[in-house]
């Protein structure tokens, strides 16, 4: 690969590509594609993200012919269209625009993308909408150019800077990203080194899969693990999966800036999240409150808390100041996280080294590694 230039030069290339683009791979082009006469739209993913996309279609809602799903069937109650199987998609709608809107837990988006391509839908008619905000060039430049420039200049290696540029092109063009296998996520040898005395905080532990990866990576040699998972179903699975292991505390609470109670949308697996209009309530805690009385102090903090990463970091300000732990933080839930989270860590903890690593074809699963100098 060619060596990257300054952020300004890389942005100029992106700007030229956007203005002279070919094909249907931007938000503008997606909207234009589904507005054409006679075009059918099928949304692959009959859940929350798919419904969010359908609600945003406006006058093009009539183009929505079906939802497609590997696990659901019947009639969608809100939009009164069928929920079809992939086989039915390929047979009935071979010429449709297909928008993939699944969560990327377990790499589902990558799997569905390959499934749709293998089924005969041309790549130029496949869009990965997902849960991420997409931008026009002018909107991205207005709201996020300066922040991404700061992050670009902050990153320690070429890989990190390239990931940042690829994230921008993904926002603008739906373009694929280069990625490392998911097995390396959070404990990537190219970005972080583990010791046999780590005190891990796993924020958003889901079913305990990250802790199992940690145990494997450390050959079972660690000091202590604290996991936080507010979704009751995930919490139950984590308790069962981690029961054979010692020195692990599984806490049925979420992480936030302050200890209290917040609204929550549950039952979405790894996508369950804090939501002001959620149907449930959960207990949340700040890490500063938790470790005020604990004998262990975190040496490594991992966070995948579905968009609440900034609030959770604010709730760990004292720990960062006193202990300066290592971090593995998801920075893909909100566009600004990739530049706001490292700024917050430096504000609290001083001099850190920052790298990015990425683990899926779409713009999901980008992790910021922060290591104290």
Protein backbone atom coordinates (compact mmCIF):
# COMPACT_ATOMS: atom_id res chain seq x y z
CA UNK A 1 0.00 0.00 0.00
CA UNK A 2 1.10 3.55 -0.68
CA UNK A 3 2.19 5.58 2.32
CA UNK A 4 -0.41 8.01 3.56
CA UNK A 5 0.08 11.75 3.27
CA UNK A 6 -1.15 14.50 5.59
CA UNK A 7 -4.79 14.47 6.61
CA UNK A 8 -5.44 17.50 4.43
CA UNK A 9 -4.05 15.70 1.38
CA UNK A 10 -5.99 12.51 2.13
CA UNK A 11 -9.16 14.55 2.57
CA UNK A 12 -8.57 16.29 -0.78
CA UNK A 13 -8.49 12.85 -2.45
CA UNK A 14 -11.72 11.83 -0.70
CA UNK A 15 -13.35 15.10 -1.76
CA UNK A 16 -12.33 14.57 -5.38
CA UNK A 17 -13.56 10.99 -5.29
CA UNK A 18 -16.90 12.11 -3.89
CA UNK A 19 -17.39 14.80 -6.50
CA UNK A 20 -16.39 12.48 -9.38
CA UNK A 21 -17.77 9.25 -8.00
CA UNK A 22 -19.07 6.41 -10.10
CA UNK A 23 -21.52 3.76 -8.98
CA UNK A 24 -24.18 3.68 -6.27
CA UNK A 25 -22.25 3.64 -3.04
CA UNK A 26 -23.02 6.86 -1.17
CA UNK A 27 -26.00 7.95 0.91
CA UNK A 28 -27.00 10.33 -1.86
CA UNK A 29 -26.80 7.53 -4.41
CA UNK A 30 -28.76 5.14 -2.20
CA UNK A 31 -31.56 7.69 -1.93
CA UNK A 32 -31.37 8.30 -5.67
CA UNK A 33 -31.40 4.57 -6.45
CA UNK A 34 -34.54 3.80 -4.47
CA UNK A 35 -36.34 6.84 -5.84
CA UNK A 36 -36.13 5.60 -9.44
CA UNK A 37 -39.37 4.34 -11.02
CA UNK A 38 -39.91 0.60 -10.85
CA UNK A 39 -37.19 -0.05 -8.27
CA UNK A 40 -37.91 -2.48 -5.43
CA UNK A 41 -36.25 -2.33 -2.01
CA UNK A 42 -35.73 -5.27 0.35
CA UNK A 43 -34.34 -4.62 3.81
CA UNK A 44 -32.29 -7.55 5.09
CA UNK A 45 -32.81 -7.52 8.86
CA UNK A 46 -36.35 -7.45 10.29
CA UNK A 47 -35.41 -5.86 13.60
CA UNK A 48 -34.86 -2.41 15.11
CA UNK A 49 -32.21 -1.11 12.71
CA UNK A 50 -34.18 -2.28 9.69
CA UNK A 51 -37.30 -0.60 11.00
CA UNK A 52 -35.35 2.61 11.61
CA UNK A 53 -34.27 2.62 7.97
CA UNK A 54 -37.81 1.90 6.77
CA UNK A 55 -39.18 4.79 8.84
CA UNK A 56 -36.64 7.15 7.24
CA UNK A 57 -37.66 6.35 3.66
CA UNK A 58 -40.34 9.03 3.39
CA UNK A 59 -41.94 9.02 -0.06
CA UNK A 60 -39.87 5.96 -0.99
CA UNK A 61 -41.60 3.79 1.63
CA UNK A 62 -43.79 2.39 -1.15
CA UNK A 63 -40.64 0.86 -2.69
CA UNK A 64 -40.22 -1.42 0.34
CA UNK A 65 -41.47 -4.81 -0.84
CA UNK A 66 -40.26 -7.01 2.00
CA UNK A 67 -37.99 -7.53 4.92
CA UNK A 68 -35.61 -10.48 4.60
CA UNK A 69 -34.38 -12.44 7.60
CA UNK A 70 -32.63 -15.71 8.31
CA UNK A 71 -34.67 -16.34 11.45
CA UNK A 72 -38.06 -14.64 11.05
CA UNK A 73 -41.05 -15.07 8.76
CA UNK A 74 -44.64 -13.88 8.43
CA UNK A 75 -45.90 -10.32 8.00
CA UNK A 76 -44.22 -7.26 9.48
CA UNK A 77 -46.88 -5.63 11.65
CA UNK A 78 -45.66 -2.04 11.29
CA UNK A 79 -45.16 -1.92 7.53
CA UNK A 80 -47.50 -4.74 6.47
CA UNK A 81 -44.97 -6.33 4.12
CA UNK A 82 -43.83 -9.96 4.15
CA UNK A 83 -40.75 -11.17 6.00
CA UNK A 84 -39.10 -13.48 3.50
CA UNK A 85 -36.20 -15.92 3.52
CA UNK A 86 -32.97 -15.34 1.55
CA UNK A 87 -34.09 -18.00 -0.94
CA UNK A 88 -37.32 -16.07 -1.53
CA UNK A 89 -35.31 -12.86 -1.91
CA UNK A 90 -33.18 -14.34 -4.67
CA UNK A 91 -36.18 -15.91 -6.43
CA UNK A 92 -38.72 -13.07 -6.18
CA UNK A 93 -36.57 -9.93 -6.07
CA UNK A 94 -33.35 -10.61 -8.04
CA UNK A 95 -33.33 -7.01 -9.29
CA UNK A 96 -34.04 -5.32 -5.95
CA UNK A 97 -31.91 -2.90 -4.00
CA UNK A 98 -30.89 -4.76 -0.82
CA UNK A 99 -30.08 -2.83 2.35
CA UNK A 100 -28.33 -4.88 5.04
CA UNK A 101 -29.35 -3.56 8.45
CA UNK A 102 -28.35 -6.29 10.89
CA UNK A 103 -26.30 -5.92 14.05
CA UNK A 104 -22.71 -7.05 13.60
CA UNK A 105 -22.61 -9.27 16.70
CA UNK A 106 -20.68 -12.40 15.68
CA UNK A 107 -19.86 -10.75 12.35
CA UNK A 108 -23.44 -11.06 11.07
CA UNK A 109 -23.12 -8.21 8.57
CA UNK A 110 -20.10 -9.84 6.95
CA UNK A 111 -21.94 -13.16 6.78
CA UNK A 112 -25.10 -11.63 5.32
CA UNK A 113 -23.09 -9.64 2.77
CA UNK A 114 -21.44 -12.83 1.50
CA UNK A 115 -24.82 -14.58 1.55
CA UNK A 116 -26.44 -11.89 -0.59
CA UNK A 117 -23.54 -11.73 -3.06
CA UNK A 118 -23.48 -15.52 -3.37
CA UNK A 119 -27.23 -15.44 -3.98
CA UNK A 120 -26.68 -13.38 -7.11
CA UNK A 121 -27.37 -9.79 -6.03
CA UNK A 122 -24.74 -7.52 -7.68
CA UNK A 123 -22.52 -5.63 -5.24
CA UNK A 124 -23.58 -2.29 -6.69
CA UNK A 125 -27.12 -2.96 -5.47
CA UNK A 126 -26.12 -3.89 -1.92
CA UNK A 127 -25.94 -1.22 0.78
CA UNK A 128 -24.82 -1.72 4.37
CA UNK A 129 -26.98 0.72 6.30
CA UNK A 130 -26.42 -0.65 9.78
CA UNK A 131 -26.86 1.42 12.90
CA UNK A 132 -24.31 4.06 11.89
CA UNK A 133 -25.12 7.54 10.66
CA UNK A 134 -24.14 8.11 7.03
CA UNK A 135 -23.13 11.54 5.77
CA UNK A 136 -23.05 13.77 2.78
CA UNK A 137 -19.64 15.30 2.17
CA UNK A 138 -20.73 18.74 3.34
CA UNK A 139 -22.24 17.42 6.58
CA UNK A 140 -19.18 15.36 7.44
CA UNK A 141 -16.88 18.29 6.76
CA UNK A 142 -19.03 20.61 8.86
CA UNK A 143 -19.38 18.37 11.91
CA UNK A 144 -16.47 15.92 11.95
CA UNK A 145 -13.58 17.09 9.76
CA UNK A 146 -11.65 18.89 12.53
CA UNK A 147 -12.09 16.05 15.01
CA UNK A 148 -10.88 13.40 12.57
CA UNK A 149 -7.91 15.58 11.68
CA UNK A 150 -6.94 15.72 15.38
CA UNK A 151 -7.34 11.97 15.72
CA UNK A 152 -5.32 11.31 12.55
CA UNK A 153 -2.41 13.33 13.87
CA UNK A 154 -2.70 11.66 17.29
CA UNK A 155 -2.43 8.07 16.08
CA UNK A 156 0.87 6.27 16.51
CA UNK A 157 1.11 4.17 13.35
CA UNK A 158 0.20 3.98 9.68
CA UNK A 159 -2.35 1.23 10.29
CA UNK A 160 -4.33 3.46 12.64
CA UNK A 161 -4.31 6.40 10.26
CA UNK A 162 -5.38 4.18 7.38
CA UNK A 163 -8.30 2.83 9.46
CA UNK A 164 -9.38 6.39 10.20
CA UNK A 165 -9.37 7.29 6.49
CA UNK A 166 -11.24 4.08 5.64
CA UNK A 167 -13.88 4.93 8.25
CA UNK A 168 -14.45 8.28 6.54
CA UNK A 169 -14.80 6.68 3.11
CA UNK A 170 -17.17 4.12 4.61
CA UNK A 171 -19.35 6.91 6.00
CA UNK A 172 -19.42 8.62 2.62
CA UNK A 173 -19.35 5.71 0.15
CA UNK A 174 -20.46 2.56 2.03
CA UNK A 175 -17.07 1.18 0.95
CA UNK A 176 -15.64 -1.99 2.46
CA UNK A 177 -12.92 -1.73 5.08
CA UNK A 178 -9.83 -3.86 5.58
CA UNK A 179 -10.04 -5.81 8.81
CA UNK A 180 -8.28 -8.14 11.23
CA UNK A 181 -10.02 -11.39 12.29
CA UNK A 182 -12.50 -10.87 15.12
CA UNK A 183 -10.58 -13.32 17.31
CA UNK A 184 -7.98 -10.62 17.93
CA UNK A 185 -10.45 -7.95 19.07
CA UNK A 186 -9.64 -6.16 22.37
CA UNK A 187 -6.39 -8.06 22.96
CA UNK A 188 -4.61 -7.49 19.65
CA UNK A 189 -0.89 -8.25 19.95
CA UNK A 190 -0.10 -5.49 17.47
CA UNK A 191 -1.64 -2.86 19.75
CA UNK A 192 -1.60 -4.07 23.38
CA UNK A 193 0.51 -6.33 25.57
CA UNK A 194 -0.98 -8.23 28.50
CA UNK A 195 0.73 -9.26 31.74
CA UNK A 196 -0.07 -12.15 34.10
CA UNK A 197 -1.32 -9.71 36.77
CA UNK A 198 -4.00 -7.83 34.83
CA UNK A 199 -7.11 -6.54 36.57
CA UNK A 200 -9.61 -6.45 33.72
CA UNK A 201 -12.79 -4.39 33.67
CA UNK A 202 -15.10 -5.68 30.94
CA UNK A 203 -17.77 -3.06 30.31
CA UNK A 204 -20.55 -4.65 28.28
CA UNK A 205 -19.52 -8.26 28.71
CA UNK A 206 -22.47 -9.66 26.70
CA UNK A 207 -22.38 -13.42 27.31
CA UNK A 208 -18.82 -13.49 28.66
CA UNK A 209 -17.18 -14.13 25.29
CA UNK A 210 -14.61 -11.35 25.70
CA UNK A 211 -13.55 -12.65 29.12
CA UNK A 212 -13.13 -16.13 27.63
CA UNK A 213 -10.86 -14.62 24.97
CA UNK A 214 -8.93 -12.82 27.72
CA UNK A 215 -8.46 -16.03 29.71
CA UNK A 216 -7.20 -17.79 26.59
CA UNK A 217 -4.88 -14.94 25.73
CA UNK A 218 -3.35 -14.85 29.22
CA UNK A 219 -3.27 -18.65 29.61
CA UNK A 220 -5.48 -18.19 32.66
CA UNK A 221 -2.94 -15.99 34.44
CA UNK A 222 -4.51 -12.78 35.70
CA UNK A 223 -5.27 -11.08 39.02
CA UNK A 224 -9.00 -10.37 38.78
CA UNK A 225 -11.85 -9.69 36.34
CA UNK A 226 -14.85 -7.42 36.86
CA UNK A 227 -17.60 -7.68 34.27
CA UNK A 228 -20.60 -5.37 33.86
CA UNK A 229 -23.70 -6.44 31.91
CA UNK A 230 -27.14 -4.84 32.44
CA UNK A 231 -29.19 -7.06 30.11
CA UNK A 232 -30.67 -9.86 32.22
CA UNK A 233 -30.51 -12.53 29.51
CA UNK A 234 -26.91 -11.71 28.64
CA UNK A 235 -26.05 -11.59 32.35
CA UNK A 236 -27.48 -15.08 32.88
CA UNK A 237 -25.50 -16.49 29.96
CA UNK A 238 -22.31 -14.81 31.20
CA UNK A 239 -22.75 -16.32 34.67
CA UNK A 240 -23.11 -19.77 33.15
CA UNK A 241 -20.21 -19.40 30.70
CA UNK A 242 -17.80 -17.98 33.27
CA UNK A 243 -18.79 -20.18 36.22
CA UNK A 244 -15.79 -22.55 35.82
CA UNK A 245 -13.25 -19.75 36.29
CA UNK A 246 -11.88 -18.11 39.42
CA UNK A 247 -11.53 -14.46 40.42
CA UNK A 248 -14.32 -13.18 38.20
CA UNK A 249 -17.12 -10.92 39.41
CA UNK A 250 -20.18 -10.62 37.17
CA UNK A 251 -22.16 -7.48 37.95
CA UNK A 252 -25.70 -7.03 36.62
CA UNK A 253 -25.34 -3.28 36.04
CA UNK A 254 -24.34 -0.91 33.28
CA UNK A 255 -21.51 1.61 33.24
CA UNK A 256 -22.18 5.35 33.12
CA UNK A 257 -20.97 8.70 34.42
CA UNK A 258 -22.89 8.43 37.70
CA UNK A 259 -24.49 5.70 39.77
CA UNK A 260 -28.28 5.62 39.33
CA UNK A 261 -31.13 4.26 37.22
CA UNK A 262 -31.60 4.72 33.46
CA UNK A 263 -34.02 3.59 30.77
CA UNK A 264 -32.87 0.62 28.71
CA UNK A 265 -33.77 -1.35 25.60
CA UNK A 266 -33.18 -5.02 26.38
CA UNK A 267 -33.47 -8.30 24.52
CA UNK A 268 -31.22 -7.31 21.61
CA UNK A 269 -28.30 -9.53 22.51
CA UNK A 270 -25.07 -7.59 22.24
CA UNK A 271 -27.03 -4.61 20.94
CA UNK A 272 -29.06 -3.99 24.12
CA UNK A 273 -28.44 -0.39 25.11
CA UNK A 274 -29.28 2.61 27.27
CA UNK A 275 -32.20 4.41 25.67
CA UNK A 276 -34.16 7.35 27.09
CA UNK A 277 -37.34 5.90 25.59
CA UNK A 278 -36.52 2.30 26.52
CA UNK A 279 -39.17 0.05 27.99
CA UNK A 280 -37.05 -1.16 30.93
CA UNK A 281 -34.93 0.36 33.68
CA UNK A 282 -31.46 -0.74 34.75
CA UNK A 283 -29.01 0.08 37.49
CA UNK A 284 -25.91 1.91 36.29
CA UNK A 285 -22.70 2.63 38.20
CA UNK A 286 -19.59 4.72 37.73
CA UNK A 287 -16.30 2.87 37.91
CA UNK A 288 -15.03 5.48 40.37
CA UNK A 289 -17.83 4.53 42.77
CA UNK A 290 -17.25 0.80 42.32
CA UNK A 291 -13.51 0.90 42.95
CA UNK A 292 -13.63 3.35 45.80
CA UNK A 293 -13.97 0.35 48.13
CA UNK A 294 -12.40 -2.47 46.09
CA UNK A 295 -8.97 -3.85 46.89
CA UNK A 296 -8.13 -4.23 43.20
CA UNK A 297 -7.48 -1.32 40.84
CA UNK A 298 -8.07 -1.78 37.08
CA UNK A 299 -5.02 -2.20 34.87
CA UNK A 300 -7.04 -2.76 31.67
CA UNK A 301 -10.48 -1.38 30.84
CA UNK A 302 -12.43 -2.71 27.86
CA UNK A 303 -15.67 -0.98 26.89
CA UNK A 304 -18.31 -1.97 24.36
CA UNK A 305 -21.33 -0.30 25.93
CA UNK A 306 -23.35 0.57 22.83
CA UNK A 307 -22.75 4.30 22.65
CA UNK A 308 -22.27 5.07 26.36
CA UNK A 309 -18.48 4.87 26.20
CA UNK A 310 -17.95 8.58 26.77
CA UNK A 311 -20.22 8.63 29.83
CA UNK A 312 -18.51 5.53 31.21
CA UNK A 313 -15.10 7.18 30.81
CA UNK A 314 -16.33 10.27 32.62
CA UNK A 315 -17.37 7.95 35.44
CA UNK A 316 -13.80 6.59 35.60
CA UNK A 317 -11.99 9.96 35.79
CA UNK A 318 -10.42 9.31 39.21
CA UNK A 319 -9.24 5.84 38.23
CA UNK A 320 -7.62 7.22 35.08
CA UNK A 321 -5.88 9.98 37.05
CA UNK A 322 -4.59 7.67 39.77
CA UNK A 323 -3.95 4.35 38.01
CA UNK A 324 -3.55 5.25 34.30
CA UNK A 325 -4.86 1.88 33.04
CA UNK A 326 -4.67 0.54 29.51
CA UNK A 327 -7.82 0.79 27.39
CA UNK A 328 -9.54 -1.12 24.60
CA UNK A 329 -12.55 1.03 23.66
CA UNK A 330 -15.14 0.65 20.92
CA UNK A 331 -15.25 3.90 18.96
CA UNK A 332 -17.77 3.06 16.24
CA UNK A 333 -21.13 3.62 17.95
CA UNK A 334 -20.89 7.41 17.60
CA UNK A 335 -18.94 9.19 14.89
CA UNK A 336 -17.31 11.59 17.35
CA UNK A 337 -16.02 8.87 19.69
CA UNK A 338 -12.90 8.29 17.60
CA UNK A 339 -11.64 11.77 18.48
CA UNK A 340 -13.51 12.63 21.70
CA UNK A 341 -12.53 9.51 23.68
CA UNK A 342 -8.74 9.86 23.28
CA UNK A 343 -9.05 13.55 24.14
CA UNK A 344 -10.89 12.63 27.34
CA UNK A 345 -8.27 10.03 28.31
CA UNK A 346 -5.48 12.56 27.86
CA UNK A 347 -7.40 15.14 29.85
CA UNK A 348 -7.69 12.75 32.78
CA UNK A 349 -4.55 10.64 32.45
CA UNK A 350 -1.88 12.66 30.70
CA UNK A 351 0.41 11.19 28.07
CA UNK A 352 -0.96 8.11 26.27
CA UNK A 353 -0.14 6.29 23.04
CA UNK A 354 -3.15 5.64 20.75
CA UNK A 355 -3.72 3.09 18.00
CA UNK A 356 -6.77 1.87 16.10
CA UNK A 357 -7.54 -1.65 14.93
CA UNK A 358 -10.60 -2.77 12.96
CA UNK A 359 -12.38 -6.14 12.88
CA UNK A 360 -15.15 -6.25 10.26
CA UNK A 361 -15.86 -5.29 6.65
CA UNK A 362 -18.32 -2.54 7.63
CA UNK A 363 -17.62 0.37 9.98
CA UNK A 364 -18.50 -1.71 13.04
CA UNK A 365 -15.95 -3.04 15.53
CA UNK A 366 -13.27 -0.36 15.46
CA UNK A 367 -11.30 -0.42 18.72
CA UNK A 368 -9.16 2.36 20.16
CA UNK A 369 -6.21 1.07 22.18
CA UNK A 370 -4.77 3.56 24.67
CA UNK A 371 -1.51 2.73 26.43
CA UNK A 372 0.04 5.00 29.09
CA UNK A 373 3.54 6.19 28.20
